[in-house]
Amino acid sequence: MYLDKTKKQEIFSQYGKSATDTGSPEAQIALFSYRISHLTEHLKKNHKDHATARSLTMLVGKRRKLLKYLYVNDINRYRAIIKALGLRK
């Protein structure tokens, strides 16, 4: 499995407030970004996997909504997570 418990805790401890902070937008965005990159690599090899393509599209939409939430409510946290994950150029 590509995303086990230890990898999730590592992502949450790096981008969240603590290792058990699973609800903050930064932690969720980081987790979604990791999953998006994994699904993108999968789709490069398996281009006919339409179910995965749909789930990738839904994950990108969820991440976009969380980024918009941060942009509206706290622009400094938004800029920090964008810079840390390297999402925008």
C-alpha atoms as a PDB file:
ATOM      1  CA  MET A   1       0.000   0.000   0.000  1.00  0.00           C
ATOM      2  CA  TYR A   2       1.404   3.357  -0.966  1.00  0.00           C
ATOM      3  CA  LEU A   3      -0.016   5.345   1.950  1.00  0.00           C
ATOM      4  CA  ASP A   4       0.410   3.600   5.282  1.00  0.00           C
ATOM      5  CA  LYS A   5      -0.145   4.897   8.804  1.00  0.00           C
ATOM      6  CA  THR A   6       3.444   6.055   9.315  1.00  0.00           C
ATOM      7  CA  LYS A   7       3.473   8.052   6.063  1.00  0.00           C
ATOM      8  CA  LYS A   8       0.231   9.800   7.049  1.00  0.00           C
ATOM      9  CA  GLN A   9       1.625  10.669  10.488  1.00  0.00           C
ATOM     10  CA  GLU A  10       4.776  12.006   8.848  1.00  0.00           C
ATOM     11  CA  ILE A  11       2.732  14.262   6.541  1.00  0.00           C
ATOM     12  CA  PHE A  12       0.521  15.451   9.407  1.00  0.00           C
ATOM     13  CA  SER A  13       3.467  16.174  11.694  1.00  0.00           C
ATOM     14  CA  GLN A  14       5.308  18.085   8.966  1.00  0.00           C
ATOM     15  CA  TYR A  15       2.424  20.259   7.730  1.00  0.00           C
ATOM     16  CA  GLY A  16      -0.062  20.161  10.620  1.00  0.00           C
ATOM     17  CA  LYS A  17       0.287  21.490  14.129  1.00  0.00           C
ATOM     18  CA  SER A  18       1.164  18.018  15.497  1.00  0.00           C
ATOM     19  CA  ALA A  19       1.288  14.384  14.397  1.00  0.00           C
ATOM     20  CA  THR A  20      -2.347  13.907  15.401  1.00  0.00           C
ATOM     21  CA  ASP A  21      -3.604  17.110  13.747  1.00  0.00           C
ATOM     22  CA  THR A  22      -5.639  15.677  10.890  1.00  0.00           C
ATOM     23  CA  GLY A  23      -8.215  18.447  10.586  1.00  0.00           C
ATOM     24  CA  SER A  24      -6.205  21.538   9.753  1.00  0.00           C
ATOM     25  CA  PRO A  25      -6.448  22.688   6.139  1.00  0.00           C
ATOM     26  CA  GLU A  26      -2.670  22.597   5.718  1.00  0.00           C
ATOM     27  CA  ALA A  27      -2.474  18.935   6.740  1.00  0.00           C
ATOM     28  CA  GLN A  28      -5.366  17.966   4.490  1.00  0.00           C
ATOM     29  CA  ILE A  29      -3.919  19.867   1.520  1.00  0.00           C
ATOM     30  CA  ALA A  30      -0.565  18.145   2.018  1.00  0.00           C
ATOM     31  CA  LEU A  31      -2.224  14.725   2.175  1.00  0.00           C
ATOM     32  CA  PHE A  32      -4.302  15.452  -0.934  1.00  0.00           C
ATOM     33  CA  SER A  33      -1.183  16.621  -2.766  1.00  0.00           C
ATOM     34  CA  TYR A  34       0.618  13.391  -1.930  1.00  0.00           C
ATOM     35  CA  ARG A  35      -2.333  11.323  -3.151  1.00  0.00           C
ATOM     36  CA  ILE A  36      -2.672  13.441  -6.303  1.00  0.00           C
ATOM     37  CA  SER A  37       0.960  12.898  -7.221  1.00  0.00           C
ATOM     38  CA  HIS A  38       0.602   9.139  -6.683  1.00  0.00           C
ATOM     39  CA  LEU A  39      -2.562   8.932  -8.809  1.00  0.00           C
ATOM     40  CA  THR A  40      -0.951  11.030 -11.548  1.00  0.00           C
ATOM     41  CA  GLU A  41       1.929   8.564 -11.783  1.00  0.00           C
ATOM     42  CA  HIS A  42      -0.548   5.680 -11.878  1.00  0.00           C
ATOM     43  CA  LEU A  43      -2.501   7.286 -14.715  1.00  0.00           C
ATOM     44  CA  LYS A  44       0.664   7.824 -16.759  1.00  0.00           C
ATOM     45  CA  LYS A  45       1.052   4.024 -16.866  1.00  0.00           C
ATOM     46  CA  ASN A  46      -2.662   3.118 -16.989  1.00  0.00           C
ATOM     47  CA  HIS A  47      -4.337   5.736 -19.145  1.00  0.00           C
ATOM     48  CA  LYS A  48      -7.564   3.741 -19.567  1.00  0.00           C
ATOM     49  CA  ASP A  49      -8.299   3.625 -15.829  1.00  0.00           C
ATOM     50  CA  HIS A  50     -11.315   5.931 -15.835  1.00  0.00           C
ATOM     51  CA  ALA A  51     -12.296   5.335 -12.203  1.00  0.00           C
ATOM     52  CA  THR A  52      -8.901   6.557 -11.044  1.00  0.00           C
ATOM     53  CA  ALA A  53      -9.112   9.534 -13.392  1.00  0.00           C
ATOM     54  CA  ARG A  54     -12.433  10.503 -11.840  1.00  0.00           C
ATOM     55  CA  SER A  55     -11.109  10.153  -8.292  1.00  0.00           C
ATOM     56  CA  LEU A  56      -8.092  12.261  -9.253  1.00  0.00           C
ATOM     57  CA  THR A  57     -10.398  14.984 -10.555  1.00  0.00           C
ATOM     58  CA  MET A  58     -12.410  14.902  -7.325  1.00  0.00           C
ATOM     59  CA  LEU A  59      -9.253  15.122  -5.196  1.00  0.00           C
ATOM     60  CA  VAL A  60      -8.026  18.137  -7.157  1.00  0.00           C
ATOM     61  CA  GLY A  61     -11.416  19.791  -6.571  1.00  0.00           C
ATOM     62  CA  LYS A  62     -11.256  19.112  -2.830  1.00  0.00           C
ATOM     63  CA  ARG A  63      -7.749  20.537  -2.630  1.00  0.00           C
ATOM     64  CA  ARG A  64      -8.828  23.595  -4.608  1.00  0.00           C
ATOM     65  CA  LYS A  65     -11.720  24.218  -2.196  1.00  0.00           C
ATOM     66  CA  LEU A  66      -9.420  23.986   0.827  1.00  0.00           C
ATOM     67  CA  LEU A  67      -6.904  26.329  -0.811  1.00  0.00           C
ATOM     68  CA  LYS A  68      -9.693  28.807  -1.545  1.00  0.00           C
ATOM     69  CA  TYR A  69     -10.796  28.586   2.101  1.00  0.00           C
ATOM     70  CA  LEU A  70      -7.276  29.420   3.272  1.00  0.00           C
ATOM     71  CA  TYR A  71      -6.953  32.210   0.694  1.00  0.00           C
ATOM     72  CA  VAL A  72     -10.135  33.885   1.924  1.00  0.00           C
ATOM     73  CA  ASN A  73      -9.570  33.414   5.667  1.00  0.00           C
ATOM     74  CA  ASP A  74      -5.803  33.626   6.177  1.00  0.00           C
ATOM     75  CA  ILE A  75      -3.638  34.700   3.240  1.00  0.00           C
ATOM     76  CA  ASN A  76      -0.370  34.136   5.146  1.00  0.00           C
ATOM     77  CA  ARG A  77      -1.139  30.470   5.835  1.00  0.00           C
ATOM     78  CA  TYR A  78      -2.181  30.090   2.186  1.00  0.00           C
ATOM     79  CA  ARG A  79       1.113  31.521   0.947  1.00  0.00           C
ATOM     80  CA  ALA A  80       3.081  29.331   3.372  1.00  0.00           C
ATOM     81  CA  ILE A  81       1.447  26.071   2.260  1.00  0.00           C
ATOM     82  CA  ILE A  82       1.752  26.992  -1.427  1.00  0.00           C
ATOM     83  CA  LYS A  83       5.443  27.669  -0.956  1.00  0.00           C
ATOM     84  CA  ALA A  84       6.031  24.537   1.127  1.00  0.00           C
ATOM     85  CA  LEU A  85       4.340  22.221  -1.372  1.00  0.00           C
ATOM     86  CA  GLY A  86       5.452  24.072  -4.493  1.00  0.00           C
ATOM     87  CA  LEU A  87       1.979  24.155  -6.027  1.00  0.00           C
ATOM     88  CA  ARG A  88       1.981  27.484  -7.852  1.00  0.00           C
ATOM     89  CA  LYS A  89       4.714  29.044  -9.911  1.00  0.00           C
END
